[in-house]
Amino acid sequence: MTWVLVGSGGVIGALVRYALSKWIGERLVVSFPFATLFINVSGSFLLGLFTRGLGNWLPHAEPHAMLFLGAGFCGAYTTFSTFTYEFTMLAREGRFSTAIMYYLASAVLGFAAAAVGLFGLPSIR
């Protein structure tokens, strides 16, 4: 059952990543990897949200839901290998400031999105 949950979530996550990356790439014709940045940041948010919320939303199905949504969907939806490839290619092309900006944006926004998903937005009083 575990393999089916992770595998089916992974298939869906990979297909959504491919479609979204293609869609963003067709609309933002720039030399910065916005599609991968958006996918990894939104995936970090979703994993944080699933981790926080599944116990509340689906208490009896939580272990199975996390296999499907966390390990499967988010695992295939986000893409560390594409991130590292794009970072390396920017550096190889001599675009060091863009590569560093991409690296920092990915790390900072990814951690922030995961925190917002996991803990919610901080209240301002």
PDB file of N, CA and C in Angstrom:
ATOM      1  N   MET A   1       0.815  -1.200   0.000  1.00  0.00           N
ATOM      2  CA  MET A   1       0.000   0.000   0.000  1.00  0.00           C
ATOM      3  C   MET A   1       0.860   1.267   0.000  1.00  0.00           C
ATOM      4  N   THR A   2       1.964   1.240   0.762  1.00  0.00           N
ATOM      5  CA  THR A   2       2.863   2.391   0.826  1.00  0.00           C
ATOM      6  C   THR A   2       3.392   2.748  -0.556  1.00  0.00           C
ATOM      7  N   TRP A   3       3.820   1.744  -1.299  1.00  0.00           N
ATOM      8  CA  TRP A   3       4.375   1.979  -2.637  1.00  0.00           C
ATOM      9  C   TRP A   3       3.341   2.602  -3.563  1.00  0.00           C
ATOM     10  N   VAL A   4       2.119   2.158  -3.472  1.00  0.00           N
ATOM     11  CA  VAL A   4       1.040   2.686  -4.319  1.00  0.00           C
ATOM     12  C   VAL A   4       0.769   4.146  -3.978  1.00  0.00           C
ATOM     13  N   LEU A   5       0.724   4.470  -2.691  1.00  0.00           N
ATOM     14  CA  LEU A   5       0.460   5.843  -2.271  1.00  0.00           C
ATOM     15  C   LEU A   5       1.580   6.793  -2.708  1.00  0.00           C
ATOM     16  N   VAL A   6       2.813   6.414  -2.439  1.00  0.00           N
ATOM     17  CA  VAL A   6       3.945   7.262  -2.815  1.00  0.00           C
ATOM     18  C   VAL A   6       4.050   7.355  -4.343  1.00  0.00           C
ATOM     19  N   GLY A   7       3.910   6.239  -5.017  1.00  0.00           N
ATOM     20  CA  GLY A   7       4.021   6.229  -6.482  1.00  0.00           C
ATOM     21  C   GLY A   7       2.936   7.025  -7.167  1.00  0.00           C
ATOM     22  N   SER A   8       1.697   6.876  -6.735  1.00  0.00           N
ATOM     23  CA  SER A   8       0.609   7.612  -7.382  1.00  0.00           C
ATOM     24  C   SER A   8       0.708   9.105  -7.087  1.00  0.00           C
ATOM     25  N   GLY A   9       1.078   9.459  -5.862  1.00  0.00           N
ATOM     26  CA  GLY A   9       1.307  10.875  -5.556  1.00  0.00           C
ATOM     27  C   GLY A   9       2.467  11.430  -6.365  1.00  0.00           C
ATOM     28  N   GLY A  10       3.508  10.618  -6.538  1.00  0.00           N
ATOM     29  CA  GLY A  10       4.667  11.036  -7.321  1.00  0.00           C
ATOM     30  C   GLY A  10       4.348  11.264  -8.784  1.00  0.00           C
ATOM     31  N   VAL A  11       3.540  10.399  -9.355  1.00  0.00           N
ATOM     32  CA  VAL A  11       3.150  10.581 -10.762  1.00  0.00           C
ATOM     33  C   VAL A  11       2.407  11.898 -10.927  1.00  0.00           C
ATOM     34  N   ILE A  12       1.466  12.151 -10.045  1.00  0.00           N
ATOM     35  CA  ILE A  12       0.683  13.394 -10.129  1.00  0.00           C
ATOM     36  C   ILE A  12       1.582  14.608  -9.911  1.00  0.00           C
ATOM     37  N   GLY A  13       2.456  14.550  -8.908  1.00  0.00           N
ATOM     38  CA  GLY A  13       3.367  15.662  -8.635  1.00  0.00           C
ATOM     39  C   GLY A  13       4.284  15.957  -9.808  1.00  0.00           C
ATOM     40  N   ALA A  14       4.826  14.920 -10.431  1.00  0.00           N
ATOM     41  CA  ALA A  14       5.716  15.118 -11.574  1.00  0.00           C
ATOM     42  C   ALA A  14       4.970  15.732 -12.758  1.00  0.00           C
ATOM     43  N   LEU A  15       3.749  15.277 -12.991  1.00  0.00           N
ATOM     44  CA  LEU A  15       2.957  15.824 -14.097  1.00  0.00           C
ATOM     45  C   LEU A  15       2.567  17.278 -13.853  1.00  0.00           C
ATOM     46  N   VAL A  16       2.203  17.595 -12.619  1.00  0.00           N
ATOM     47  CA  VAL A  16       1.866  18.980 -12.282  1.00  0.00           C
ATOM     48  C   VAL A  16       3.103  19.865 -12.425  1.00  0.00           C
ATOM     49  N   ARG A  17       4.258  19.389 -11.936  1.00  0.00           N
ATOM     50  CA  ARG A  17       5.496  20.162 -12.074  1.00  0.00           C
ATOM     51  C   ARG A  17       5.814  20.421 -13.536  1.00  0.00           C
ATOM     52  N   TYR A  18       5.725  19.412 -14.373  1.00  0.00           N
ATOM     53  CA  TYR A  18       6.035  19.567 -15.791  1.00  0.00           C
ATOM     54  C   TYR A  18       5.090  20.579 -16.444  1.00  0.00           C
ATOM     55  N   ALA A  19       3.793  20.432 -16.200  1.00  0.00           N
ATOM     56  CA  ALA A  19       2.808  21.323 -16.818  1.00  0.00           C
ATOM     57  C   ALA A  19       2.986  22.763 -16.339  1.00  0.00           C
ATOM     58  N   LEU A  20       3.189  22.942 -15.045  1.00  0.00           N
ATOM     59  CA  LEU A  20       3.347  24.283 -14.491  1.00  0.00           C
ATOM     60  C   LEU A  20       4.643  24.924 -14.970  1.00  0.00           C
ATOM     61  N   SER A  21       5.713  24.158 -15.012  1.00  0.00           N
ATOM     62  CA  SER A  21       6.983  24.675 -15.493  1.00  0.00           C
ATOM     63  C   SER A  21       6.876  25.116 -16.948  1.00  0.00           C
ATOM     64  N   LYS A  22       6.219  24.318 -17.749  1.00  0.00           N
ATOM     65  CA  LYS A  22       6.014  24.657 -19.163  1.00  0.00           C
ATOM     66  C   LYS A  22       5.151  25.910 -19.285  1.00  0.00           C
ATOM     67  N   TRP A  23       4.076  25.979 -18.514  1.00  0.00           N
ATOM     68  CA  TRP A  23       3.163  27.113 -18.556  1.00  0.00           C
ATOM     69  C   TRP A  23       3.874  28.410 -18.153  1.00  0.00           C
ATOM     70  N   ILE A  24       4.634  28.373 -17.059  1.00  0.00           N
ATOM     71  CA  ILE A  24       5.368  29.562 -16.609  1.00  0.00           C
ATOM     72  C   ILE A  24       6.434  29.935 -17.635  1.00  0.00           C
ATOM     73  N   GLY A  25       7.142  28.941 -18.146  1.00  0.00           N
ATOM     74  CA  GLY A  25       8.196  29.192 -19.119  1.00  0.00           C
ATOM     75  C   GLY A  25       7.694  29.850 -20.391  1.00  0.00           C
ATOM     76  N   GLU A  26       6.484  29.535 -20.801  1.00  0.00           N
ATOM     77  CA  GLU A  26       5.897  30.149 -21.997  1.00  0.00           C
ATOM     78  C   GLU A  26       5.468  31.586 -21.745  1.00  0.00           C
ATOM     79  N   ARG A  27       5.200  31.946 -20.523  1.00  0.00           N
ATOM     80  CA  ARG A  27       4.726  33.288 -20.202  1.00  0.00           C
ATOM     81  C   ARG A  27       5.838  34.219 -19.734  1.00  0.00           C
ATOM     82  N   LEU A  28       6.857  33.672 -19.116  1.00  0.00           N
ATOM     83  CA  LEU A  28       7.987  34.465 -18.646  1.00  0.00           C
ATOM     84  C   LEU A  28       9.225  34.082 -19.431  1.00  0.00           C
ATOM     85  N   VAL A  29       9.420  34.728 -20.529  1.00  0.00           N
ATOM     86  CA  VAL A  29      10.575  34.419 -21.365  1.00  0.00           C
ATOM     87  C   VAL A  29      11.732  35.299 -20.895  1.00  0.00           C
ATOM     88  N   VAL A  30      12.379  34.834 -19.838  1.00  0.00           N
ATOM     89  CA  VAL A  30      13.526  35.531 -19.255  1.00  0.00           C
ATOM     90  C   VAL A  30      14.615  34.512 -18.991  1.00  0.00           C
ATOM     91  N   SER A  31      15.796  34.995 -18.693  1.00  0.00           N
ATOM     92  CA  SER A  31      16.915  34.076 -18.472  1.00  0.00           C
ATOM     93  C   SER A  31      17.117  33.749 -16.998  1.00  0.00           C
ATOM     94  N   PHE A  32      16.083  33.925 -16.202  1.00  0.00           N
ATOM     95  CA  PHE A  32      16.127  33.563 -14.786  1.00  0.00           C
ATOM     96  C   PHE A  32      15.165  32.397 -14.589  1.00  0.00           C
ATOM     97  N   PRO A  33      15.557  31.377 -13.847  1.00  0.00           N
ATOM     98  CA  PRO A  33      14.717  30.175 -13.691  1.00  0.00           C
ATOM     99  C   PRO A  33      13.539  30.365 -12.715  1.00  0.00           C
ATOM    100  N   PHE A  34      12.614  31.267 -13.072  1.00  0.00           N
ATOM    101  CA  PHE A  34      11.459  31.542 -12.216  1.00  0.00           C
ATOM    102  C   PHE A  34      10.568  30.323 -12.027  1.00  0.00           C
ATOM    103  N   ALA A  35      10.421  29.505 -13.053  1.00  0.00           N
ATOM    104  CA  ALA A  35       9.530  28.343 -12.938  1.00  0.00           C
ATOM    105  C   ALA A  35      10.004  27.404 -11.833  1.00  0.00           C
ATOM    106  N   THR A  36      11.276  27.058 -11.831  1.00  0.00           N
ATOM    107  CA  THR A  36      11.809  26.166 -10.802  1.00  0.00           C
ATOM    108  C   THR A  36      11.745  26.824  -9.428  1.00  0.00           C
ATOM    109  N   LEU A  37      12.048  28.112  -9.370  1.00  0.00           N
ATOM    110  CA  LEU A  37      11.963  28.829  -8.096  1.00  0.00           C
ATOM    111  C   LEU A  37      10.537  28.777  -7.559  1.00  0.00           C
ATOM    112  N   PHE A  38       9.544  29.068  -8.404  1.00  0.00           N
ATOM    113  CA  PHE A  38       8.150  29.042  -7.971  1.00  0.00           C
ATOM    114  C   PHE A  38       7.738  27.640  -7.524  1.00  0.00           C
ATOM    115  N   ILE A  39       8.114  26.645  -8.293  1.00  0.00           N
ATOM    116  CA  ILE A  39       7.733  25.268  -7.967  1.00  0.00           C
ATOM    117  C   ILE A  39       8.345  24.839  -6.634  1.00  0.00           C
ATOM    118  N   ASN A  40       9.613  25.115  -6.432  1.00  0.00           N
ATOM    119  CA  ASN A  40      10.260  24.695  -5.185  1.00  0.00           C
ATOM    120  C   ASN A  40       9.732  25.463  -3.975  1.00  0.00           C
ATOM    121  N   VAL A  41       9.459  26.760  -4.141  1.00  0.00           N
ATOM    122  CA  VAL A  41       8.916  27.541  -3.026  1.00  0.00           C
ATOM    123  C   VAL A  41       7.491  27.096  -2.721  1.00  0.00           C
ATOM    124  N   SER A  42       6.660  26.935  -3.749  1.00  0.00           N
ATOM    125  CA  SER A  42       5.280  26.502  -3.507  1.00  0.00           C
ATOM    126  C   SER A  42       5.245  25.077  -2.956  1.00  0.00           C
ATOM    127  N   GLY A  43       6.154  24.225  -3.394  1.00  0.00           N
ATOM    128  CA  GLY A  43       6.230  22.867  -2.847  1.00  0.00           C
ATOM    129  C   GLY A  43       6.647  22.866  -1.388  1.00  0.00           C
ATOM    130  N   SER A  44       7.550  23.765  -1.023  1.00  0.00           N
ATOM    131  CA  SER A  44       7.953  23.895   0.384  1.00  0.00           C
ATOM    132  C   SER A  44       6.765  24.337   1.233  1.00  0.00           C
ATOM    133  N   PHE A  45       5.994  25.291   0.711  1.00  0.00           N
ATOM    134  CA  PHE A  45       4.797  25.746   1.418  1.00  0.00           C
ATOM    135  C   PHE A  45       3.799  24.601   1.569  1.00  0.00           C
ATOM    136  N   LEU A  46       3.547  23.875   0.482  1.00  0.00           N
ATOM    137  CA  LEU A  46       2.573  22.784   0.538  1.00  0.00           C
ATOM    138  C   LEU A  46       2.987  21.704   1.531  1.00  0.00           C
ATOM    139  N   LEU A  47       4.260  21.339   1.541  1.00  0.00           N
ATOM    140  CA  LEU A  47       4.716  20.318   2.480  1.00  0.00           C
ATOM    141  C   LEU A  47       4.547  20.796   3.921  1.00  0.00           C
ATOM    142  N   GLY A  48       4.868  22.067   4.183  1.00  0.00           N
ATOM    143  CA  GLY A  48       4.641  22.618   5.514  1.00  0.00           C
ATOM    144  C   GLY A  48       3.164  22.616   5.870  1.00  0.00           C
ATOM    145  N   LEU A  49       2.330  23.006   4.925  1.00  0.00           N
ATOM    146  CA  LEU A  49       0.880  23.037   5.148  1.00  0.00           C
ATOM    147  C   LEU A  49       0.334  21.635   5.400  1.00  0.00           C
ATOM    148  N   PHE A  50       0.769  20.666   4.595  1.00  0.00           N
ATOM    149  CA  PHE A  50       0.316  19.288   4.783  1.00  0.00           C
ATOM    150  C   PHE A  50       0.770  18.754   6.142  1.00  0.00           C
ATOM    151  N   THR A  51       1.995  19.062   6.525  1.00  0.00           N
ATOM    152  CA  THR A  51       2.523  18.586   7.799  1.00  0.00           C
ATOM    153  C   THR A  51       1.715  19.149   8.963  1.00  0.00           C
ATOM    154  N   ARG A  52       1.363  20.418   8.851  1.00  0.00           N
ATOM    155  CA  ARG A  52       0.587  21.058   9.923  1.00  0.00           C
ATOM    156  C   ARG A  52      -0.867  20.619   9.906  1.00  0.00           C
ATOM    157  N   GLY A  53      -1.468  20.551   8.720  1.00  0.00           N
ATOM    158  CA  GLY A  53      -2.906  20.439   8.647  1.00  0.00           C
ATOM    159  C   GLY A  53      -3.515  19.076   8.518  1.00  0.00           C
ATOM    160  N   LEU A  54      -2.790  18.088   8.067  1.00  0.00           N
ATOM    161  CA  LEU A  54      -3.420  16.798   7.803  1.00  0.00           C
ATOM    162  C   LEU A  54      -3.991  16.150   9.048  1.00  0.00           C
ATOM    163  N   GLY A  55      -3.343  16.358  10.178  1.00  0.00           N
ATOM    164  CA  GLY A  55      -3.885  15.808  11.417  1.00  0.00           C
ATOM    165  C   GLY A  55      -5.232  16.418  11.763  1.00  0.00           C
ATOM    166  N   ASN A  56      -5.423  17.666  11.366  1.00  0.00           N
ATOM    167  CA  ASN A  56      -6.699  18.341  11.615  1.00  0.00           C
ATOM    168  C   ASN A  56      -7.735  18.004  10.549  1.00  0.00           C
ATOM    169  N   TRP A  57      -7.308  17.943   9.293  1.00  0.00           N
ATOM    170  CA  TRP A  57      -8.237  17.737   8.177  1.00  0.00           C
ATOM    171  C   TRP A  57      -8.619  16.270   8.020  1.00  0.00           C
ATOM    172  N   LEU A  58      -7.639  15.397   8.132  1.00  0.00           N
ATOM    173  CA  LEU A  58      -7.852  13.969   7.884  1.00  0.00           C
ATOM    174  C   LEU A  58      -7.220  13.145   9.004  1.00  0.00           C
ATOM    175  N   PRO A  59      -7.689  13.263  10.225  1.00  0.00           N
ATOM    176  CA  PRO A  59      -6.983  12.621  11.343  1.00  0.00           C
ATOM    177  C   PRO A  59      -6.826  11.112  11.210  1.00  0.00           C
ATOM    178  N   HIS A  60      -7.799  10.437  10.646  1.00  0.00           N
ATOM    179  CA  HIS A  60      -7.706   8.975  10.550  1.00  0.00           C
ATOM    180  C   HIS A  60      -6.878   8.529   9.339  1.00  0.00           C
ATOM    181  N   ALA A  61      -6.751   9.398   8.363  1.00  0.00           N
ATOM    182  CA  ALA A  61      -6.020   9.045   7.145  1.00  0.00           C
ATOM    183  C   ALA A  61      -4.647   9.694   7.093  1.00  0.00           C
ATOM    184  N   GLU A  62      -4.226  10.388   8.156  1.00  0.00           N
ATOM    185  CA  GLU A  62      -2.989  11.165   8.122  1.00  0.00           C
ATOM    186  C   GLU A  62      -1.760  10.388   7.652  1.00  0.00           C
ATOM    187  N   PRO A  63      -1.448   9.213   8.174  1.00  0.00           N
ATOM    188  CA  PRO A  63      -0.236   8.533   7.696  1.00  0.00           C
ATOM    189  C   PRO A  63      -0.288   8.237   6.195  1.00  0.00           C
ATOM    190  N   HIS A  64      -1.450   7.806   5.723  1.00  0.00           N
ATOM    191  CA  HIS A  64      -1.586   7.519   4.293  1.00  0.00           C
ATOM    192  C   HIS A  64      -1.576   8.795   3.462  1.00  0.00           C
ATOM    193  N   ALA A  65      -2.216   9.835   3.970  1.00  0.00           N
ATOM    194  CA  ALA A  65      -2.242  11.105   3.246  1.00  0.00           C
ATOM    195  C   ALA A  65      -0.841  11.694   3.141  1.00  0.00           C
ATOM    196  N   MET A  66      -0.037  11.584   4.192  1.00  0.00           N
ATOM    197  CA  MET A  66       1.328  12.114   4.133  1.00  0.00           C
ATOM    198  C   MET A  66       2.195  11.322   3.171  1.00  0.00           C
ATOM    199  N   LEU A  67       1.965  10.040   3.060  1.00  0.00           N
ATOM    200  CA  LEU A  67       2.705   9.263   2.067  1.00  0.00           C
ATOM    201  C   LEU A  67       2.355   9.750   0.664  1.00  0.00           C
ATOM    202  N   PHE A  68       1.065   9.925   0.406  1.00  0.00           N
ATOM    203  CA  PHE A  68       0.605  10.355  -0.914  1.00  0.00           C
ATOM    204  C   PHE A  68       1.002  11.806  -1.205  1.00  0.00           C
ATOM    205  N   LEU A  69       0.687  12.728  -0.277  1.00  0.00           N
ATOM    206  CA  LEU A  69       0.914  14.153  -0.514  1.00  0.00           C
ATOM    207  C   LEU A  69       2.343  14.591  -0.219  1.00  0.00           C
ATOM    208  N   GLY A  70       2.914  14.105   0.869  1.00  0.00           N
ATOM    209  CA  GLY A  70       4.253  14.542   1.262  1.00  0.00           C
ATOM    210  C   GLY A  70       5.348  13.864   0.463  1.00  0.00           C
ATOM    211  N   ALA A  71       5.501  12.569   0.687  1.00  0.00           N
ATOM    212  CA  ALA A  71       6.570  11.834  -0.001  1.00  0.00           C
ATOM    213  C   ALA A  71       6.311  11.729  -1.501  1.00  0.00           C
ATOM    214  N   GLY A  72       5.059  11.467  -1.874  1.00  0.00           N
ATOM    215  CA  GLY A  72       4.737  11.278  -3.282  1.00  0.00           C
ATOM    216  C   GLY A  72       4.633  12.581  -4.050  1.00  0.00           C
ATOM    217  N   PHE A  73       3.559  13.331  -3.798  1.00  0.00           N
ATOM    218  CA  PHE A  73       3.295  14.538  -4.582  1.00  0.00           C
ATOM    219  C   PHE A  73       4.404  15.574  -4.423  1.00  0.00           C
ATOM    220  N   CYS A  74       4.671  16.012  -3.185  1.00  0.00           N
ATOM    221  CA  CYS A  74       5.676  17.057  -2.978  1.00  0.00           C
ATOM    222  C   CYS A  74       7.078  16.587  -3.359  1.00  0.00           C
ATOM    223  N   GLY A  75       7.364  15.317  -3.116  1.00  0.00           N
ATOM    224  CA  GLY A  75       8.672  14.787  -3.483  1.00  0.00           C
ATOM    225  C   GLY A  75       8.930  14.846  -4.974  1.00  0.00           C
ATOM    226  N   ALA A  76       7.900  14.592  -5.772  1.00  0.00           N
ATOM    227  CA  ALA A  76       8.062  14.634  -7.230  1.00  0.00           C
ATOM    228  C   ALA A  76       7.811  16.031  -7.795  1.00  0.00           C
ATOM    229  N   TYR A  77       6.990  16.809  -7.109  1.00  0.00           N
ATOM    230  CA  TYR A  77       6.661  18.155  -7.585  1.00  0.00           C
ATOM    231  C   TYR A  77       7.863  19.088  -7.462  1.00  0.00           C
ATOM    232  N   THR A  78       8.532  19.061  -6.323  1.00  0.00           N
ATOM    233  CA  THR A  78       9.708  19.908  -6.151  1.00  0.00           C
ATOM    234  C   THR A  78      10.894  19.253  -6.841  1.00  0.00           C
ATOM    235  N   THR A  79      11.901  20.051  -7.148  1.00  0.00           N
ATOM    236  CA  THR A  79      12.977  19.505  -7.960  1.00  0.00           C
ATOM    237  C   THR A  79      14.332  20.103  -7.604  1.00  0.00           C
ATOM    238  N   PHE A  80      15.010  19.445  -6.699  1.00  0.00           N
ATOM    239  CA  PHE A  80      16.345  19.889  -6.303  1.00  0.00           C
ATOM    240  C   PHE A  80      17.348  19.702  -7.440  1.00  0.00           C
ATOM    241  N   SER A  81      17.201  18.643  -8.205  1.00  0.00           N
ATOM    242  CA  SER A  81      18.148  18.393  -9.295  1.00  0.00           C
ATOM    243  C   SER A  81      18.071  19.487 -10.360  1.00  0.00           C
ATOM    244  N   THR A  82      16.873  19.955 -10.693  1.00  0.00           N
ATOM    245  CA  THR A  82      16.747  21.041 -11.666  1.00  0.00           C
ATOM    246  C   THR A  82      17.324  22.325 -11.096  1.00  0.00           C
ATOM    247  N   PHE A  83      17.074  22.580  -9.827  1.00  0.00           N
ATOM    248  CA  PHE A  83      17.640  23.758  -9.165  1.00  0.00           C
ATOM    249  C   PHE A  83      19.166  23.746  -9.261  1.00  0.00           C
ATOM    250  N   THR A  84      19.789  22.625  -8.918  1.00  0.00           N
ATOM    251  CA  THR A  84      21.253  22.580  -8.941  1.00  0.00           C
ATOM    252  C   THR A  84      21.795  22.680 -10.360  1.00  0.00           C
ATOM    253  N   TYR A  85      21.089  22.095 -11.320  1.00  0.00           N
ATOM    254  CA  TYR A  85      21.506  22.196 -12.722  1.00  0.00           C
ATOM    255  C   TYR A  85      21.442  23.651 -13.183  1.00  0.00           C
ATOM    256  N   GLU A  86      20.338  24.319 -12.915  1.00  0.00           N
ATOM    257  CA  GLU A  86      20.193  25.710 -13.359  1.00  0.00           C
ATOM    258  C   GLU A  86      21.197  26.621 -12.672  1.00  0.00           C
ATOM    259  N   PHE A  87      21.434  26.393 -11.392  1.00  0.00           N
ATOM    260  CA  PHE A  87      22.443  27.172 -10.671  1.00  0.00           C
ATOM    261  C   PHE A  87      23.822  26.972 -11.309  1.00  0.00           C
ATOM    262  N   THR A  88      24.161  25.726 -11.580  1.00  0.00           N
ATOM    263  CA  THR A  88      25.454  25.411 -12.176  1.00  0.00           C
ATOM    264  C   THR A  88      25.600  26.030 -13.566  1.00  0.00           C
ATOM    265  N   MET A  89      24.528  25.989 -14.361  1.00  0.00           N
ATOM    266  CA  MET A  89      24.589  26.561 -15.709  1.00  0.00           C
ATOM    267  C   MET A  89      24.739  28.087 -15.654  1.00  0.00           C
ATOM    268  N   LEU A  90      24.066  28.740 -14.727  1.00  0.00           N
ATOM    269  CA  LEU A  90      24.232  30.189 -14.587  1.00  0.00           C
ATOM    270  C   LEU A  90      25.683  30.517 -14.236  1.00  0.00           C
ATOM    271  N   ALA A  91      26.255  29.768 -13.311  1.00  0.00           N
ATOM    272  CA  ALA A  91      27.656  29.990 -12.934  1.00  0.00           C
ATOM    273  C   ALA A  91      28.589  29.686 -14.098  1.00  0.00           C
ATOM    274  N   ARG A  92      28.317  28.625 -14.824  1.00  0.00           N
ATOM    275  CA  ARG A  92      29.155  28.245 -15.967  1.00  0.00           C
ATOM    276  C   ARG A  92      29.135  29.308 -17.060  1.00  0.00           C
ATOM    277  N   GLU A  93      27.993  29.973 -17.205  1.00  0.00           N
ATOM    278  CA  GLU A  93      27.859  31.047 -18.201  1.00  0.00           C
ATOM    279  C   GLU A  93      28.486  32.348 -17.707  1.00  0.00           C
ATOM    280  N   GLY A  94      29.046  32.340 -16.500  1.00  0.00           N
ATOM    281  CA  GLY A  94      29.669  33.537 -15.950  1.00  0.00           C
ATOM    282  C   GLY A  94      28.675  34.504 -15.332  1.00  0.00           C
ATOM    283  N   ARG A  95      27.455  34.077 -15.113  1.00  0.00           N
ATOM    284  CA  ARG A  95      26.409  34.922 -14.542  1.00  0.00           C
ATOM    285  C   ARG A  95      26.356  34.687 -13.026  1.00  0.00           C
ATOM    286  N   PHE A  96      27.462  35.020 -12.382  1.00  0.00           N
ATOM    287  CA  PHE A  96      27.633  34.690 -10.972  1.00  0.00           C
ATOM    288  C   PHE A  96      26.640  35.416 -10.070  1.00  0.00           C
ATOM    289  N   SER A  97      26.377  36.686 -10.324  1.00  0.00           N
ATOM    290  CA  SER A  97      25.435  37.411  -9.461  1.00  0.00           C
ATOM    291  C   SER A  97      24.024  36.843  -9.607  1.00  0.00           C
ATOM    292  N   THR A  98      23.634  36.455 -10.815  1.00  0.00           N
ATOM    293  CA  THR A  98      22.319  35.838 -11.016  1.00  0.00           C
ATOM    294  C   THR A  98      22.272  34.471 -10.335  1.00  0.00           C
ATOM    295  N   ALA A  99      23.351  33.712 -10.422  1.00  0.00           N
ATOM    296  CA  ALA A  99      23.409  32.398  -9.776  1.00  0.00           C
ATOM    297  C   ALA A  99      23.283  32.533  -8.261  1.00  0.00           C
ATOM    298  N   ILE A 100      23.994  33.481  -7.685  1.00  0.00           N
ATOM    299  CA  ILE A 100      23.928  33.696  -6.231  1.00  0.00           C
ATOM    300  C   ILE A 100      22.535  34.177  -5.832  1.00  0.00           C
ATOM    301  N   MET A 101      21.947  35.081  -6.626  1.00  0.00           N
ATOM    302  CA  MET A 101      20.597  35.566  -6.332  1.00  0.00           C
ATOM    303  C   MET A 101      19.593  34.412  -6.375  1.00  0.00           C
ATOM    304  N   TYR A 102      19.734  33.536  -7.361  1.00  0.00           N
ATOM    305  CA  TYR A 102      18.853  32.372  -7.493  1.00  0.00           C
ATOM    306  C   TYR A 102      19.008  31.433  -6.294  1.00  0.00           C
ATOM    307  N   TYR A 103      20.244  31.174  -5.907  1.00  0.00           N
ATOM    308  CA  TYR A 103      20.523  30.308  -4.764  1.00  0.00           C
ATOM    309  C   TYR A 103      19.906  30.874  -3.488  1.00  0.00           C
ATOM    310  N   LEU A 104      20.161  32.152  -3.224  1.00  0.00           N
ATOM    311  CA  LEU A 104      19.653  32.778  -2.003  1.00  0.00           C
ATOM    312  C   LEU A 104      18.127  32.878  -2.010  1.00  0.00           C
ATOM    313  N   ALA A 105      17.559  33.253  -3.161  1.00  0.00           N
ATOM    314  CA  ALA A 105      16.099  33.342  -3.252  1.00  0.00           C
ATOM    315  C   ALA A 105      15.476  31.975  -3.009  1.00  0.00           C
ATOM    316  N   SER A 106      16.054  30.934  -3.569  1.00  0.00           N
ATOM    317  CA  SER A 106      15.523  29.584  -3.385  1.00  0.00           C
ATOM    318  C   SER A 106      15.575  29.162  -1.925  1.00  0.00           C
ATOM    319  N   ALA A 107      16.706  29.415  -1.280  1.00  0.00           N
ATOM    320  CA  ALA A 107      16.855  29.007   0.118  1.00  0.00           C
ATOM    321  C   ALA A 107      15.966  29.832   1.040  1.00  0.00           C
ATOM    322  N   VAL A 108      16.037  31.152   0.929  1.00  0.00           N
ATOM    323  CA  VAL A 108      15.289  32.020   1.837  1.00  0.00           C
ATOM    324  C   VAL A 108      13.785  31.872   1.622  1.00  0.00           C
ATOM    325  N   LEU A 109      13.342  31.962   0.369  1.00  0.00           N
ATOM    326  CA  LEU A 109      11.908  31.852   0.095  1.00  0.00           C
ATOM    327  C   LEU A 109      11.391  30.444   0.384  1.00  0.00           C
ATOM    328  N   GLY A 110      12.203  29.420   0.111  1.00  0.00           N
ATOM    329  CA  GLY A 110      11.795  28.054   0.402  1.00  0.00           C
ATOM    330  C   GLY A 110      11.581  27.817   1.883  1.00  0.00           C
ATOM    331  N   PHE A 111      12.548  28.272   2.700  1.00  0.00           N
ATOM    332  CA  PHE A 111      12.396  28.122   4.153  1.00  0.00           C
ATOM    333  C   PHE A 111      11.231  28.952   4.673  1.00  0.00           C
ATOM    334  N   ALA A 112      11.073  30.167   4.160  1.00  0.00           N
ATOM    335  CA  ALA A 112       9.970  31.026   4.607  1.00  0.00           C
ATOM    336  C   ALA A 112       8.625  30.402   4.237  1.00  0.00           C
ATOM    337  N   ALA A 113       8.517  29.884   3.021  1.00  0.00           N
ATOM    338  CA  ALA A 113       7.262  29.265   2.590  1.00  0.00           C
ATOM    339  C   ALA A 113       6.941  28.032   3.428  1.00  0.00           C
ATOM    340  N   ALA A 114       7.949  27.227   3.714  1.00  0.00           N
ATOM    341  CA  ALA A 114       7.734  26.045   4.558  1.00  0.00           C
ATOM    342  C   ALA A 114       7.270  26.455   5.953  1.00  0.00           C
ATOM    343  N   ALA A 115       7.873  27.505   6.498  1.00  0.00           N
ATOM    344  CA  ALA A 115       7.486  27.984   7.829  1.00  0.00           C
ATOM    345  C   ALA A 115       6.060  28.511   7.829  1.00  0.00           C
ATOM    346  N   VAL A 116       5.676  29.267   6.796  1.00  0.00           N
ATOM    347  CA  VAL A 116       4.308  29.784   6.718  1.00  0.00           C
ATOM    348  C   VAL A 116       3.330  28.618   6.587  1.00  0.00           C
ATOM    349  N   GLY A 117       3.673  27.638   5.765  1.00  0.00           N
ATOM    350  CA  GLY A 117       2.808  26.469   5.636  1.00  0.00           C
ATOM    351  C   GLY A 117       2.677  25.703   6.942  1.00  0.00           C
ATOM    352  N   LEU A 118       3.780  25.561   7.649  1.00  0.00           N
ATOM    353  CA  LEU A 118       3.798  24.777   8.883  1.00  0.00           C
ATOM    354  C   LEU A 118       3.185  25.521  10.067  1.00  0.00           C
ATOM    355  N   PHE A 119       3.518  26.794  10.199  1.00  0.00           N
ATOM    356  CA  PHE A 119       3.099  27.549  11.382  1.00  0.00           C
ATOM    357  C   PHE A 119       2.025  28.599  11.105  1.00  0.00           C
ATOM    358  N   GLY A 120       1.749  28.896   9.847  1.00  0.00           N
ATOM    359  CA  GLY A 120       0.796  29.944   9.503  1.00  0.00           C
ATOM    360  C   GLY A 120       1.507  31.302   9.477  1.00  0.00           C
ATOM    361  N   LEU A 121       0.776  32.293   9.040  1.00  0.00           N
ATOM    362  CA  LEU A 121       1.334  33.642   9.013  1.00  0.00           C
ATOM    363  C   LEU A 121       1.405  34.196  10.422  1.00  0.00           C
ATOM    364  N   PRO A 122       2.493  34.904  10.753  1.00  0.00           N
ATOM    365  CA  PRO A 122       2.569  35.493  12.089  1.00  0.00           C
ATOM    366  C   PRO A 122       1.554  36.630  12.208  1.00  0.00           C
ATOM    367  N   SER A 123       0.963  36.758  13.363  1.00  0.00           N
ATOM    368  CA  SER A 123      -0.006  37.833  13.558  1.00  0.00           C
ATOM    369  C   SER A 123       0.751  39.107  13.939  1.00  0.00           C
ATOM    370  N   ILE A 124       0.281  40.199  13.387  1.00  0.00           N
ATOM    371  CA  ILE A 124       0.883  41.509  13.676  1.00  0.00           C
ATOM    372  C   ILE A 124      -0.074  42.256  14.590  1.00  0.00           C
ATOM    373  N   ARG A 125       0.407  42.608  15.755  1.00  0.00           N
ATOM    374  CA  ARG A 125      -0.459  43.303  16.726  1.00  0.00           C
ATOM    375  C   ARG A 125       0.114  44.616  17.096  1.00  0.00           C
TER     376      ARG A 125
END
